Amino acid sequence: MPKCHLSAAHANQAIGLLESVWTEVEVAARFGVSQSVISRLSKRYTETGSTEERSKTGRPRITIEREDRLLTIPRRRDPFTTAPKLRNQLQDATGTNVSVRMVLNRFYEVNLKSRRPLRCLCIVNSGTSKTKIRFV
């Protein structure tokens, strides 16, 4: 399966080859990427005059990788730790104020699913005095 990105050095080399007599397909085969990657690179170079990546859109992240690790490592050690508790620990440790939803989003990014304690519902039959326990 072809790669979808080129390093900065390879991107500059690809532009050099395109400016010579090489075709996009030949350059793509040389670097092991698809032809569309080279096509986008060529288009970016003609529009901006540079091979650097364009700035990304969207909201910037509030936390850095270190803070994300401060959230996920305790969660892996104790899967039943709550998101509000970890949010408070992060705020005490780094001073970064984040929402509970953001903490849960970071868990989903590293494939940590929600865990809830087991609940049981006690049902008493009116005809007997035995209590039946049904797990919900």
C-alpha atoms as a PDB file:
ATOM      1  CA  MET A   1       0.000   0.000   0.000  1.00  0.00           C
ATOM      2  CA  PRO A   2       1.491   3.361  -0.964  1.00  0.00           C
ATOM      3  CA  LYS A   3       2.337   6.035   1.568  1.00  0.00           C
ATOM      4  CA  CYS A   4       0.267   9.208   1.551  1.00  0.00           C
ATOM      5  CA  HIS A   5       2.887  11.722   2.717  1.00  0.00           C
ATOM      6  CA  LEU A   6       6.412  12.672   1.774  1.00  0.00           C
ATOM      7  CA  SER A   7       9.093  14.080   4.032  1.00  0.00           C
ATOM      8  CA  ALA A   8      10.305  17.612   3.302  1.00  0.00           C
ATOM      9  CA  ALA A   9      13.512  16.302   1.715  1.00  0.00           C
ATOM     10  CA  HIS A  10      11.644  13.853  -0.521  1.00  0.00           C
ATOM     11  CA  ALA A  11       9.125  16.538  -1.480  1.00  0.00           C
ATOM     12  CA  ASN A  12      11.928  18.826  -2.658  1.00  0.00           C
ATOM     13  CA  GLN A  13      13.495  15.966  -4.604  1.00  0.00           C
ATOM     14  CA  ALA A  14      10.132  15.162  -6.207  1.00  0.00           C
ATOM     15  CA  ILE A  15       9.695  18.769  -7.343  1.00  0.00           C
ATOM     16  CA  GLY A  16      13.215  18.680  -8.821  1.00  0.00           C
ATOM     17  CA  LEU A  17      12.350  15.545 -10.765  1.00  0.00           C
ATOM     18  CA  LEU A  18       9.054  17.027 -11.955  1.00  0.00           C
ATOM     19  CA  GLU A  19      10.847  20.123 -13.225  1.00  0.00           C
ATOM     20  CA  SER A  20      13.098  17.863 -15.258  1.00  0.00           C
ATOM     21  CA  VAL A  21      11.548  15.401 -17.700  1.00  0.00           C
ATOM     22  CA  TRP A  22       9.940  12.979 -15.209  1.00  0.00           C
ATOM     23  CA  THR A  23       6.167  12.434 -15.167  1.00  0.00           C
ATOM     24  CA  GLU A  24       4.040  12.352 -12.008  1.00  0.00           C
ATOM     25  CA  VAL A  25       3.564   8.594 -12.345  1.00  0.00           C
ATOM     26  CA  GLU A  26       7.330   7.984 -12.578  1.00  0.00           C
ATOM     27  CA  VAL A  27       8.051  10.211  -9.573  1.00  0.00           C
ATOM     28  CA  ALA A  28       5.297   8.483  -7.578  1.00  0.00           C
ATOM     29  CA  ALA A  29       6.761   5.066  -8.382  1.00  0.00           C
ATOM     30  CA  ARG A  30      10.237   6.209  -7.366  1.00  0.00           C
ATOM     31  CA  PHE A  31       9.113   7.406  -3.895  1.00  0.00           C
ATOM     32  CA  GLY A  32       6.520   4.665  -3.331  1.00  0.00           C
ATOM     33  CA  VAL A  33       3.508   6.973  -3.096  1.00  0.00           C
ATOM     34  CA  SER A  34       0.370   7.283  -5.164  1.00  0.00           C
ATOM     35  CA  GLN A  35       0.198   9.600  -8.139  1.00  0.00           C
ATOM     36  CA  SER A  36      -2.348  11.816  -6.369  1.00  0.00           C
ATOM     37  CA  VAL A  37       0.236  12.645  -3.660  1.00  0.00           C
ATOM     38  CA  ILE A  38       2.650  13.905  -6.308  1.00  0.00           C
ATOM     39  CA  SER A  39      -0.166  15.752  -8.078  1.00  0.00           C
ATOM     40  CA  ARG A  40      -1.148  17.588  -4.873  1.00  0.00           C
ATOM     41  CA  LEU A  41       2.507  18.360  -4.168  1.00  0.00           C
ATOM     42  CA  SER A  42       2.955  19.808  -7.668  1.00  0.00           C
ATOM     43  CA  LYS A  43      -0.207  21.885  -7.335  1.00  0.00           C
ATOM     44  CA  ARG A  44       0.895  23.212  -3.927  1.00  0.00           C
ATOM     45  CA  TYR A  45       4.307  24.116  -5.331  1.00  0.00           C
ATOM     46  CA  THR A  46       2.847  26.023  -8.308  1.00  0.00           C
ATOM     47  CA  GLU A  47       0.376  27.913  -6.072  1.00  0.00           C
ATOM     48  CA  THR A  48       2.641  28.805  -3.161  1.00  0.00           C
ATOM     49  CA  GLY A  49       6.161  28.305  -4.504  1.00  0.00           C
ATOM     50  CA  SER A  50       6.951  26.074  -1.540  1.00  0.00           C
ATOM     51  CA  THR A  51       6.651  22.380  -0.703  1.00  0.00           C
ATOM     52  CA  GLU A  52       5.764  23.012   2.951  1.00  0.00           C
ATOM     53  CA  GLU A  53       2.457  21.776   4.303  1.00  0.00           C
ATOM     54  CA  ARG A  54      -0.362  24.290   4.456  1.00  0.00           C
ATOM     55  CA  SER A  55      -1.666  25.322   7.841  1.00  0.00           C
ATOM     56  CA  LYS A  56      -4.449  23.111   9.120  1.00  0.00           C
ATOM     57  CA  THR A  57      -7.948  24.334   9.820  1.00  0.00           C
ATOM     58  CA  GLY A  58      -9.958  23.653  12.946  1.00  0.00           C
ATOM     59  CA  ARG A  59      -9.721  24.468  16.569  1.00  0.00           C
ATOM     60  CA  PRO A  60      -6.228  24.174  18.068  1.00  0.00           C
ATOM     61  CA  ARG A  61      -5.708  21.554  20.755  1.00  0.00           C
ATOM     62  CA  ILE A  62      -5.831  22.757  24.352  1.00  0.00           C
ATOM     63  CA  THR A  63      -3.568  20.046  25.710  1.00  0.00           C
ATOM     64  CA  ILE A  64      -0.118  18.950  24.650  1.00  0.00           C
ATOM     65  CA  GLU A  65       1.072  15.331  24.385  1.00  0.00           C
ATOM     66  CA  ARG A  66       2.482  15.338  27.911  1.00  0.00           C
ATOM     67  CA  GLU A  67      -0.874  16.405  29.344  1.00  0.00           C
ATOM     68  CA  ASP A  68      -2.640  13.759  27.271  1.00  0.00           C
ATOM     69  CA  ARG A  69      -0.344  11.151  28.821  1.00  0.00           C
ATOM     70  CA  LEU A  70      -1.172  12.541  32.291  1.00  0.00           C
ATOM     71  CA  LEU A  71      -4.799  11.697  31.479  1.00  0.00           C
ATOM     72  CA  THR A  72      -4.397   8.307  29.848  1.00  0.00           C
ATOM     73  CA  ILE A  73      -1.766   6.611  32.031  1.00  0.00           C
ATOM     74  CA  PRO A  74      -3.854   6.751  35.259  1.00  0.00           C
ATOM     75  CA  ARG A  75      -6.873   5.590  33.265  1.00  0.00           C
ATOM     76  CA  ARG A  76      -4.964   2.519  32.036  1.00  0.00           C
ATOM     77  CA  ARG A  77      -3.844   1.716  35.575  1.00  0.00           C
ATOM     78  CA  ASP A  78      -7.367   2.047  36.978  1.00  0.00           C
ATOM     79  CA  PRO A  79     -10.063   1.686  34.292  1.00  0.00           C
ATOM     80  CA  PHE A  80     -12.804   2.794  36.691  1.00  0.00           C
ATOM     81  CA  THR A  81     -11.307   6.221  37.391  1.00  0.00           C
ATOM     82  CA  THR A  82     -13.847   8.866  36.393  1.00  0.00           C
ATOM     83  CA  ALA A  83     -13.251  11.583  33.832  1.00  0.00           C
ATOM     84  CA  PRO A  84     -14.057  14.434  36.293  1.00  0.00           C
ATOM     85  CA  LYS A  85     -11.506  13.056  38.756  1.00  0.00           C
ATOM     86  CA  LEU A  86      -8.804  12.911  36.064  1.00  0.00           C
ATOM     87  CA  ARG A  87      -9.744  16.396  34.863  1.00  0.00           C
ATOM     88  CA  ASN A  88      -9.232  17.725  38.385  1.00  0.00           C
ATOM     89  CA  GLN A  89      -5.880  15.922  38.664  1.00  0.00           C
ATOM     90  CA  LEU A  90      -4.742  17.480  35.369  1.00  0.00           C
ATOM     91  CA  GLN A  91      -5.815  20.932  36.502  1.00  0.00           C
ATOM     92  CA  ASP A  92      -3.963  20.549  39.811  1.00  0.00           C
ATOM     93  CA  ALA A  93      -0.806  19.245  38.109  1.00  0.00           C
ATOM     94  CA  THR A  94      -0.555  21.620  35.140  1.00  0.00           C
ATOM     95  CA  GLY A  95      -3.101  24.399  35.645  1.00  0.00           C
ATOM     96  CA  THR A  96      -4.778  23.553  32.321  1.00  0.00           C
ATOM     97  CA  ASN A  97      -8.542  23.910  32.547  1.00  0.00           C
ATOM     98  CA  VAL A  98     -10.323  21.357  30.345  1.00  0.00           C
ATOM     99  CA  SER A  99     -13.837  19.972  30.100  1.00  0.00           C
ATOM    100  CA  VAL A 100     -14.933  16.452  30.967  1.00  0.00           C
ATOM    101  CA  ARG A 101     -15.942  15.981  27.323  1.00  0.00           C
ATOM    102  CA  MET A 102     -12.377  16.757  26.220  1.00  0.00           C
ATOM    103  CA  VAL A 103     -11.034  14.171  28.662  1.00  0.00           C
ATOM    104  CA  LEU A 104     -13.406  11.574  27.216  1.00  0.00           C
ATOM    105  CA  ASN A 105     -12.353  12.537  23.687  1.00  0.00           C
ATOM    106  CA  ARG A 106      -8.710  11.902  24.613  1.00  0.00           C
ATOM    107  CA  PHE A 107      -9.712   8.462  25.917  1.00  0.00           C
ATOM    108  CA  TYR A 108     -11.443   7.622  22.642  1.00  0.00           C
ATOM    109  CA  GLU A 109      -8.378   8.766  20.662  1.00  0.00           C
ATOM    110  CA  VAL A 110      -6.258   6.118  22.391  1.00  0.00           C
ATOM    111  CA  ASN A 111      -9.067   3.531  22.313  1.00  0.00           C
ATOM    112  CA  LEU A 112      -9.972   3.618  26.003  1.00  0.00           C
ATOM    113  CA  LYS A 113     -13.677   2.915  26.261  1.00  0.00           C
ATOM    114  CA  SER A 114     -15.977   3.981  29.068  1.00  0.00           C
ATOM    115  CA  ARG A 115     -16.230   1.616  31.985  1.00  0.00           C
ATOM    116  CA  ARG A 116     -19.079   1.632  34.407  1.00  0.00           C
ATOM    117  CA  PRO A 117     -19.389  -0.333  37.638  1.00  0.00           C
ATOM    118  CA  LEU A 118     -21.672  -3.354  37.563  1.00  0.00           C
ATOM    119  CA  ARG A 119     -25.175  -2.584  38.750  1.00  0.00           C
ATOM    120  CA  CYS A 120     -27.541  -5.188  40.075  1.00  0.00           C
ATOM    121  CA  LEU A 121     -31.237  -4.903  40.614  1.00  0.00           C
ATOM    122  CA  CYS A 122     -32.748  -6.837  43.498  1.00  0.00           C
ATOM    123  CA  ILE A 123     -36.225  -8.185  42.771  1.00  0.00           C
ATOM    124  CA  VAL A 124     -38.409  -9.629  45.510  1.00  0.00           C
ATOM    125  CA  ASN A 125     -41.237 -11.944  44.488  1.00  0.00           C
ATOM    126  CA  SER A 126     -44.452 -11.220  46.298  1.00  0.00           C
ATOM    127  CA  GLY A 127     -45.258 -14.944  46.661  1.00  0.00           C
ATOM    128  CA  THR A 128     -41.928 -15.986  48.128  1.00  0.00           C
ATOM    129  CA  SER A 129     -39.495 -14.432  50.497  1.00  0.00           C
ATOM    130  CA  LYS A 130     -36.526 -15.270  48.285  1.00  0.00           C
ATOM    131  CA  THR A 131     -34.708 -12.367  46.760  1.00  0.00           C
ATOM    132  CA  LYS A 132     -33.657 -12.747  43.169  1.00  0.00           C
ATOM    133  CA  ILE A 133     -30.713 -10.779  41.888  1.00  0.00           C
ATOM    134  CA  ARG A 134     -30.811  -9.743  38.258  1.00  0.00           C
ATOM    135  CA  PHE A 135     -27.817  -8.058  36.691  1.00  0.00           C
ATOM    136  CA  VAL A 136     -28.644  -5.135  34.455  1.00  0.00           C
END
